[in-house]
Amino acid sequence: MKNSRALIMLAMAMLAGLAAVVFASRWLMHTSSSGMTTVAVATEDINLGEPLNTNLIRTVSWPTSSVPPGSFTDVKALDGRVVRTSLARGEPVLESKLAPLGTKGGLSAVINDGDRAITVRVNDVIGVAGFALPGNYVDVIVNTQQPESKNDQQQSISKIVLEKILVLAVAQQVSRDDTQPKVVNAVTLEVTPDQAEKLDLARSVGTLSLVLRNQVDKDTLTTKGATKLTLLGTPPAPASAPAAAPRPARVRYVARTEHAESKRDCVGVLAGVKGSVECF
């Protein structure tokens, strides 16, 4: 009798434990499923300007409370979209990192609205020994001849004409993840239309040089440019005083006095019926 009661109690305890495990597992599954959201992420590193497809994107479970704004849950909605910035493997694909709908792939997809892309020829010196990479900012210096004035002789001058210009690409490479220097023969810069005109004029009147600057430095400085005189510390020659205008000559007016005629000897001459007087 006692053994049967013990067996019954043991069976009831096992059933109660099994029911608790089932209910707990169901509750955990329901809680975990309601607290997770599907988010589209990159399956590999993606360079800027590259169009997306279903092979480059997959979905993963992401905590609902920390889903980044602008994320996607449907991979098909990203088919054909072009990225404006590089994406790392496993990074969520956000709307802010994509070009507008209908944009084709390539460099044009990463140019900001209202800006332009212009390419300048460089070498290992002008291109900062290959350290001017996509995503860096540079200043542009032009070396040319100063306009000749009346008092000063024509001389060379180096002047910063553009500041904080974004490097879009070096040669045909637009990836911003690589930090290794690359000596190339062309650099593409992102400029405004006004800056594009200045840059085109600068390369036609002189030689260009790129100056690498800190990416977080936003200060702009106004410089006067460097000339041979300022380089050597020679003070500028004082401007010659203009020659004094000649004074107008003074004219003296002298009253002319008629002198009385000196007395002379005169004789009367009679010729026929006419007579005259001859003085000598």
Foldseek 3Di string as FASTA:
>chain_A
DVVVVVVVVVVVVVVVVVVVVVVVVVVVVVVVVVQWAKFKAFQAKDAALDQDALVGIDIDIDGPVPDDPQTDRDRVVRHGWGFLHIGHHGHTDGPVRTADPPDHGDLVRNADPQKDKDKDWDFCFQCVNQQQAAFFFKWKKFWAWDDDDPQDGIFIWIATDGGGWGWQHAPRDRGPPDRDGDTGTMTMTIGHPVVVVVVVVRVVGGPMHIGTDDSPDPDDDHDPTDTPCVVVVNDDDDGDDDDDDDDDDDDDDDDDDDDDDDDWDKDWDDDPPDIDIDTD
